[in-house]
Amino acid sequence: MFKRKYNPGRSIEKYKARLVVKGFTQKQDIDFFDTFAPVSRISSIRVLIALASIHRLVIHQMDVKTAFLNGELE
């Protein structure tokens, strides 16, 4: 699945891509039972930012979309 993100001047700002493998065929209570979203506590994030600041490290942020990532394939 491909998508373009535009800036206010209507020129292309960046391209987005997502790989989806037949996630539409799953049925609730048959193929999956629960959903789970791992989230860090804010105190853990603050400790990491403080350590990076003390050691003068550069922090990078990344977002990984995990739709249909943990399913079992036949």
PDB file of N, CA and C in Angstrom:
ATOM      1  N   MET A   1       0.849  -1.147   0.000  1.00  0.00           N
ATOM      2  CA  MET A   1       0.000   0.000   0.000  1.00  0.00           C
ATOM      3  C   MET A   1       0.908   1.226   0.000  1.00  0.00           C
ATOM      4  N   PHE A   2       0.720   2.126  -0.920  1.00  0.00           N
ATOM      5  CA  PHE A   2       1.549   3.317  -1.040  1.00  0.00           C
ATOM      6  C   PHE A   2       0.703   4.567  -0.849  1.00  0.00           C
ATOM      7  N   LYS A   3       1.312   5.592  -0.268  1.00  0.00           N
ATOM      8  CA  LYS A   3       0.607   6.832  -0.011  1.00  0.00           C
ATOM      9  C   LYS A   3       1.589   7.989  -0.129  1.00  0.00           C
ATOM     10  N   ARG A   4       1.128   9.122  -0.601  1.00  0.00           N
ATOM     11  CA  ARG A   4       1.959  10.324  -0.673  1.00  0.00           C
ATOM     12  C   ARG A   4       1.462  11.330   0.353  1.00  0.00           C
ATOM     13  N   LYS A   5       2.395  12.016   1.028  1.00  0.00           N
ATOM     14  CA  LYS A   5       2.031  13.064   1.969  1.00  0.00           C
ATOM     15  C   LYS A   5       2.434  14.397   1.344  1.00  0.00           C
ATOM     16  N   TYR A   6       1.483  15.330   1.272  1.00  0.00           N
ATOM     17  CA  TYR A   6       1.715  16.617   0.629  1.00  0.00           C
ATOM     18  C   TYR A   6       1.893  17.716   1.673  1.00  0.00           C
ATOM     19  N   ASN A   7       2.707  18.714   1.352  1.00  0.00           N
ATOM     20  CA  ASN A   7       2.824  19.885   2.213  1.00  0.00           C
ATOM     21  C   ASN A   7       1.787  20.913   1.762  1.00  0.00           C
ATOM     22  N   PRO A   8       1.615  22.037   2.495  1.00  0.00           N
ATOM     23  CA  PRO A   8       0.568  23.008   2.133  1.00  0.00           C
ATOM     24  C   PRO A   8       0.687  23.561   0.711  1.00  0.00           C
ATOM     25  N   GLY A   9       1.879  23.570   0.124  1.00  0.00           N
ATOM     26  CA  GLY A   9       2.050  24.046  -1.249  1.00  0.00           C
ATOM     27  C   GLY A   9       1.672  23.011  -2.290  1.00  0.00           C
ATOM     28  N   ARG A  10       1.128  21.878  -1.867  1.00  0.00           N
ATOM     29  CA  ARG A  10       0.689  20.758  -2.713  1.00  0.00           C
ATOM     30  C   ARG A  10       1.827  20.054  -3.430  1.00  0.00           C
ATOM     31  N   SER A  11       3.060  20.240  -2.964  1.00  0.00           N
ATOM     32  CA  SER A  11       4.147  19.426  -3.504  1.00  0.00           C
ATOM     33  C   SER A  11       4.350  18.239  -2.560  1.00  0.00           C
ATOM     34  N   ILE A  12       4.916  17.175  -3.067  1.00  0.00           N
ATOM     35  CA  ILE A  12       5.060  15.951  -2.283  1.00  0.00           C
ATOM     36  C   ILE A  12       6.118  16.149  -1.208  1.00  0.00           C
ATOM     37  N   GLU A  13       5.715  15.934   0.049  1.00  0.00           N
ATOM     38  CA  GLU A  13       6.630  16.070   1.180  1.00  0.00           C
ATOM     39  C   GLU A  13       7.385  14.770   1.423  1.00  0.00           C
ATOM     40  N   LYS A  14       6.654  13.631   1.424  1.00  0.00           N
ATOM     41  CA  LYS A  14       7.307  12.339   1.590  1.00  0.00           C
ATOM     42  C   LYS A  14       6.383  11.236   1.099  1.00  0.00           C
ATOM     43  N   TYR A  15       6.974  10.089   0.874  1.00  0.00           N
ATOM     44  CA  TYR A  15       6.240   8.901   0.453  1.00  0.00           C
ATOM     45  C   TYR A  15       6.111   7.958   1.641  1.00  0.00           C
ATOM     46  N   LYS A  16       4.980   7.284   1.736  1.00  0.00           N
ATOM     47  CA  LYS A  16       4.775   6.291   2.788  1.00  0.00           C
ATOM     48  C   LYS A  16       4.455   4.957   2.124  1.00  0.00           C
ATOM     49  N   ALA A  17       4.928   3.882   2.735  1.00  0.00           N
ATOM     50  CA  ALA A  17       4.634   2.548   2.214  1.00  0.00           C
ATOM     51  C   ALA A  17       4.311   1.627   3.379  1.00  0.00           C
ATOM     52  N   ARG A  18       3.398   0.702   3.148  1.00  0.00           N
ATOM     53  CA  ARG A  18       3.018  -0.259   4.179  1.00  0.00           C
ATOM     54  C   ARG A  18       2.783  -1.604   3.510  1.00  0.00           C
ATOM     55  N   LEU A  19       3.308  -2.651   4.125  1.00  0.00           N
ATOM     56  CA  LEU A  19       3.126  -4.000   3.607  1.00  0.00           C
ATOM     57  C   LEU A  19       2.020  -4.674   4.407  1.00  0.00           C
ATOM     58  N   VAL A  20       0.981  -5.101   3.736  1.00  0.00           N
ATOM     59  CA  VAL A  20      -0.150  -5.769   4.380  1.00  0.00           C
ATOM     60  C   VAL A  20      -0.360  -7.095   3.665  1.00  0.00           C
ATOM     61  N   VAL A  21      -0.372  -8.192   4.432  1.00  0.00           N
ATOM     62  CA  VAL A  21      -0.495  -9.522   3.841  1.00  0.00           C
ATOM     63  C   VAL A  21      -1.806 -10.153   4.285  1.00  0.00           C
ATOM     64  N   LYS A  22      -2.833  -9.992   3.506  1.00  0.00           N
ATOM     65  CA  LYS A  22      -4.135 -10.638   3.705  1.00  0.00           C
ATOM     66  C   LYS A  22      -4.657 -10.547   5.134  1.00  0.00           C
ATOM     67  N   GLY A  23      -4.487  -9.410   5.788  1.00  0.00           N
ATOM     68  CA  GLY A  23      -5.030  -9.234   7.126  1.00  0.00           C
ATOM     69  C   GLY A  23      -6.543  -9.201   7.136  1.00  0.00           C
ATOM     70  N   PHE A  24      -7.136  -8.936   5.996  1.00  0.00           N
ATOM     71  CA  PHE A  24      -8.587  -8.853   5.884  1.00  0.00           C
ATOM     72  C   PHE A  24      -9.259 -10.210   6.038  1.00  0.00           C
ATOM     73  N   THR A  25      -8.496 -11.312   6.002  1.00  0.00           N
ATOM     74  CA  THR A  25      -9.104 -12.638   6.096  1.00  0.00           C
ATOM     75  C   THR A  25      -9.254 -13.124   7.533  1.00  0.00           C
ATOM     76  N   GLN A  26      -8.760 -12.359   8.511  1.00  0.00           N
ATOM     77  CA  GLN A  26      -8.862 -12.787   9.905  1.00  0.00           C
ATOM     78  C   GLN A  26     -10.291 -12.622  10.417  1.00  0.00           C
ATOM     79  N   LYS A  27     -10.685 -13.545  11.297  1.00  0.00           N
ATOM     80  CA  LYS A  27     -12.000 -13.480  11.921  1.00  0.00           C
ATOM     81  C   LYS A  27     -11.822 -13.475  13.436  1.00  0.00           C
ATOM     82  N   GLN A  28     -12.515 -12.539  14.101  1.00  0.00           N
ATOM     83  CA  GLN A  28     -12.400 -12.418  15.548  1.00  0.00           C
ATOM     84  C   GLN A  28     -12.882 -13.699  16.230  1.00  0.00           C
ATOM     85  N   ASP A  29     -12.194 -14.068  17.316  1.00  0.00           N
ATOM     86  CA  ASP A  29     -12.446 -15.268  18.124  1.00  0.00           C
ATOM     87  C   ASP A  29     -12.087 -16.562  17.395  1.00  0.00           C
ATOM     88  N   ILE A  30     -11.651 -16.494  16.160  1.00  0.00           N
ATOM     89  CA  ILE A  30     -11.171 -17.674  15.444  1.00  0.00           C
ATOM     90  C   ILE A  30      -9.674 -17.542  15.204  1.00  0.00           C
ATOM     91  N   ASP A  31      -9.269 -16.450  14.547  1.00  0.00           N
ATOM     92  CA  ASP A  31      -7.862 -16.229  14.226  1.00  0.00           C
ATOM     93  C   ASP A  31      -7.121 -15.450  15.312  1.00  0.00           C
ATOM     94  N   PHE A  32      -7.840 -14.671  16.099  1.00  0.00           N
ATOM     95  CA  PHE A  32      -7.204 -13.928  17.183  1.00  0.00           C
ATOM     96  C   PHE A  32      -8.202 -13.747  18.312  1.00  0.00           C
ATOM     97  N   PHE A  33      -7.674 -13.548  19.521  1.00  0.00           N
ATOM     98  CA  PHE A  33      -8.528 -13.400  20.692  1.00  0.00           C
ATOM     99  C   PHE A  33      -8.346 -12.043  21.360  1.00  0.00           C
ATOM    100  N   ASP A  34      -7.112 -11.621  21.544  1.00  0.00           N
ATOM    101  CA  ASP A  34      -6.823 -10.371  22.237  1.00  0.00           C
ATOM    102  C   ASP A  34      -5.982  -9.468  21.344  1.00  0.00           C
ATOM    103  N   THR A  35      -6.015  -8.188  21.666  1.00  0.00           N
ATOM    104  CA  THR A  35      -5.085  -7.256  21.034  1.00  0.00           C
ATOM    105  C   THR A  35      -4.165  -6.736  22.120  1.00  0.00           C
ATOM    106  N   PHE A  36      -2.960  -6.373  21.742  1.00  0.00           N
ATOM    107  CA  PHE A  36      -1.963  -5.940  22.707  1.00  0.00           C
ATOM    108  C   PHE A  36      -1.151  -4.822  22.089  1.00  0.00           C
ATOM    109  N   ALA A  37      -0.989  -3.735  22.818  1.00  0.00           N
ATOM    110  CA  ALA A  37      -0.179  -2.615  22.338  1.00  0.00           C
ATOM    111  C   ALA A  37       0.858  -2.279  23.408  1.00  0.00           C
ATOM    112  N   PRO A  38       2.120  -2.666  23.202  1.00  0.00           N
ATOM    113  CA  PRO A  38       3.144  -2.357  24.193  1.00  0.00           C
ATOM    114  C   PRO A  38       3.417  -0.856  24.239  1.00  0.00           C
ATOM    115  N   VAL A  39       3.346  -0.282  25.432  1.00  0.00           N
ATOM    116  CA  VAL A  39       3.548   1.154  25.613  1.00  0.00           C
ATOM    117  C   VAL A  39       4.525   1.357  26.761  1.00  0.00           C
ATOM    118  N   SER A  40       5.489   2.243  26.564  1.00  0.00           N
ATOM    119  CA  SER A  40       6.466   2.539  27.614  1.00  0.00           C
ATOM    120  C   SER A  40       5.858   3.486  28.639  1.00  0.00           C
ATOM    121  N   ARG A  41       6.283   3.328  29.880  1.00  0.00           N
ATOM    122  CA  ARG A  41       5.859   4.270  30.913  1.00  0.00           C
ATOM    123  C   ARG A  41       6.607   5.577  30.724  1.00  0.00           C
ATOM    124  N   ILE A  42       5.968   6.688  31.077  1.00  0.00           N
ATOM    125  CA  ILE A  42       6.586   8.001  30.902  1.00  0.00           C
ATOM    126  C   ILE A  42       7.843   8.132  31.758  1.00  0.00           C
ATOM    127  N   SER A  43       7.883   7.473  32.914  1.00  0.00           N
ATOM    128  CA  SER A  43       9.078   7.546  33.762  1.00  0.00           C
ATOM    129  C   SER A  43      10.276   6.885  33.076  1.00  0.00           C
ATOM    130  N   SER A  44      10.048   5.810  32.335  1.00  0.00           N
ATOM    131  CA  SER A  44      11.136   5.155  31.596  1.00  0.00           C
ATOM    132  C   SER A  44      11.660   6.056  30.486  1.00  0.00           C
ATOM    133  N   ILE A  45      10.757   6.730  29.813  1.00  0.00           N
ATOM    134  CA  ILE A  45      11.163   7.641  28.742  1.00  0.00           C
ATOM    135  C   ILE A  45      11.974   8.799  29.309  1.00  0.00           C
ATOM    136  N   ARG A  46      11.548   9.329  30.458  1.00  0.00           N
ATOM    137  CA  ARG A  46      12.282  10.437  31.087  1.00  0.00           C
ATOM    138  C   ARG A  46      13.691  10.027  31.490  1.00  0.00           C
ATOM    139  N   VAL A  47      13.853   8.808  31.992  1.00  0.00           N
ATOM    140  CA  VAL A  47      15.187   8.321  32.369  1.00  0.00           C
ATOM    141  C   VAL A  47      16.082   8.236  31.138  1.00  0.00           C
ATOM    142  N   LEU A  48      15.557   7.704  30.037  1.00  0.00           N
ATOM    143  CA  LEU A  48      16.353   7.606  28.812  1.00  0.00           C
ATOM    144  C   LEU A  48      16.746   8.977  28.275  1.00  0.00           C
ATOM    145  N   ILE A  49      15.832   9.937  28.338  1.00  0.00           N
ATOM    146  CA  ILE A  49      16.151  11.291  27.878  1.00  0.00           C
ATOM    147  C   ILE A  49      17.195  11.935  28.785  1.00  0.00           C
ATOM    148  N   ALA A  50      17.083  11.716  30.100  1.00  0.00           N
ATOM    149  CA  ALA A  50      18.067  12.266  31.036  1.00  0.00           C
ATOM    150  C   ALA A  50      19.448  11.670  30.791  1.00  0.00           C
ATOM    151  N   LEU A  51      19.523  10.363  30.589  1.00  0.00           N
ATOM    152  CA  LEU A  51      20.815   9.723  30.315  1.00  0.00           C
ATOM    153  C   LEU A  51      21.418  10.224  29.003  1.00  0.00           C
ATOM    154  N   ALA A  52      20.589  10.398  28.003  1.00  0.00           N
ATOM    155  CA  ALA A  52      21.084  10.918  26.728  1.00  0.00           C
ATOM    156  C   ALA A  52      21.610  12.336  26.890  1.00  0.00           C
ATOM    157  N   SER A  53      20.942  13.123  27.707  1.00  0.00           N
ATOM    158  CA  SER A  53      21.386  14.497  27.950  1.00  0.00           C
ATOM    159  C   SER A  53      22.706  14.530  28.714  1.00  0.00           C
ATOM    160  N   ILE A  54      22.834  13.700  29.732  1.00  0.00           N
ATOM    161  CA  ILE A  54      24.063  13.648  30.538  1.00  0.00           C
ATOM    162  C   ILE A  54      25.250  13.235  29.679  1.00  0.00           C
ATOM    163  N   HIS A  55      25.062  12.252  28.825  1.00  0.00           N
ATOM    164  CA  HIS A  55      26.155  11.727  28.001  1.00  0.00           C
ATOM    165  C   HIS A  55      26.252  12.404  26.629  1.00  0.00           C
ATOM    166  N   ARG A  56      25.470  13.467  26.428  1.00  0.00           N
ATOM    167  CA  ARG A  56      25.464  14.242  25.175  1.00  0.00           C
ATOM    168  C   ARG A  56      25.237  13.349  23.949  1.00  0.00           C
ATOM    169  N   LEU A  57      24.244  12.495  24.047  1.00  0.00           N
ATOM    170  CA  LEU A  57      23.895  11.603  22.940  1.00  0.00           C
ATOM    171  C   LEU A  57      22.783  12.229  22.098  1.00  0.00           C
ATOM    172  N   VAL A  58      22.751  11.879  20.836  1.00  0.00           N
ATOM    173  CA  VAL A  58      21.694  12.347  19.943  1.00  0.00           C
ATOM    174  C   VAL A  58      20.548  11.344  20.001  1.00  0.00           C
ATOM    175  N   ILE A  59      19.335  11.847  20.125  1.00  0.00           N
ATOM    176  CA  ILE A  59      18.154  10.990  20.208  1.00  0.00           C
ATOM    177  C   ILE A  59      17.447  11.005  18.857  1.00  0.00           C
ATOM    178  N   HIS A  60      17.082   9.821  18.370  1.00  0.00           N
ATOM    179  CA  HIS A  60      16.310   9.694  17.134  1.00  0.00           C
ATOM    180  C   HIS A  60      14.983   9.033  17.476  1.00  0.00           C
ATOM    181  N   GLN A  61      13.946   9.397  16.762  1.00  0.00           N
ATOM    182  CA  GLN A  61      12.625   8.826  16.971  1.00  0.00           C
ATOM    183  C   GLN A  61      12.231   8.056  15.728  1.00  0.00           C
ATOM    184  N   MET A  62      11.608   6.887  15.925  1.00  0.00           N
ATOM    185  CA  MET A  62      11.189   6.064  14.803  1.00  0.00           C
ATOM    186  C   MET A  62       9.839   5.449  15.136  1.00  0.00           C
ATOM    187  N   ASP A  63       8.990   5.374  14.163  1.00  0.00           N
ATOM    188  CA  ASP A  63       7.668   4.787  14.348  1.00  0.00           C
ATOM    189  C   ASP A  63       7.545   3.590  13.415  1.00  0.00           C
ATOM    190  N   VAL A  64       7.298   2.424  13.985  1.00  0.00           N
ATOM    191  CA  VAL A  64       7.154   1.211  13.188  1.00  0.00           C
ATOM    192  C   VAL A  64       5.701   0.771  13.274  1.00  0.00           C
ATOM    193  N   LYS A  65       5.048   0.727  12.152  1.00  0.00           N
ATOM    194  CA  LYS A  65       3.663   0.259  12.118  1.00  0.00           C
ATOM    195  C   LYS A  65       3.680  -1.265  12.144  1.00  0.00           C
ATOM    196  N   THR A  66       2.960  -1.854  13.079  1.00  0.00           N
ATOM    197  CA  THR A  66       3.009  -3.306  13.239  1.00  0.00           C
ATOM    198  C   THR A  66       1.665  -3.960  12.936  1.00  0.00           C
ATOM    199  N   ALA A  67       0.925  -3.400  12.025  1.00  0.00           N
ATOM    200  CA  ALA A  67      -0.342  -4.018  11.659  1.00  0.00           C
ATOM    201  C   ALA A  67      -0.080  -5.381  11.036  1.00  0.00           C
ATOM    202  N   PHE A  68      -0.709  -6.393  11.542  1.00  0.00           N
ATOM    203  CA  PHE A  68      -0.615  -7.767  11.051  1.00  0.00           C
ATOM    204  C   PHE A  68       0.791  -8.353  11.179  1.00  0.00           C
ATOM    205  N   LEU A  69       1.641  -7.806  12.042  1.00  0.00           N
ATOM    206  CA  LEU A  69       3.020  -8.265  12.142  1.00  0.00           C
ATOM    207  C   LEU A  69       3.131  -9.591  12.887  1.00  0.00           C
ATOM    208  N   ASN A  70       2.320  -9.804  13.906  1.00  0.00           N
ATOM    209  CA  ASN A  70       2.494 -10.952  14.787  1.00  0.00           C
ATOM    210  C   ASN A  70       1.621 -12.146  14.429  1.00  0.00           C
ATOM    211  N   GLY A  71       1.001 -12.135  13.286  1.00  0.00           N
ATOM    212  CA  GLY A  71       0.157 -13.255  12.898  1.00  0.00           C
ATOM    213  C   GLY A  71       0.969 -14.446  12.428  1.00  0.00           C
ATOM    214  N   GLU A  72       0.386 -15.629  12.548  1.00  0.00           N
ATOM    215  CA  GLU A  72       1.053 -16.841  12.082  1.00  0.00           C
ATOM    216  C   GLU A  72       0.679 -17.083  10.623  1.00  0.00           C
ATOM    217  N   LEU A  73       1.645 -17.450   9.824  1.00  0.00           N
ATOM    218  CA  LEU A  73       1.408 -17.735   8.417  1.00  0.00           C
ATOM    219  C   LEU A  73       1.367 -19.237   8.190  1.00  0.00           C
ATOM    220  N   GLU A  74       0.590 -19.665   7.219  1.00  0.00           N
ATOM    221  CA  GLU A  74       0.508 -21.094   6.903  1.00  0.00           C
ATOM    222  C   GLU A  74       1.611 -21.487   5.953  1.00  0.00           C
TER     223      GLU A  74
END
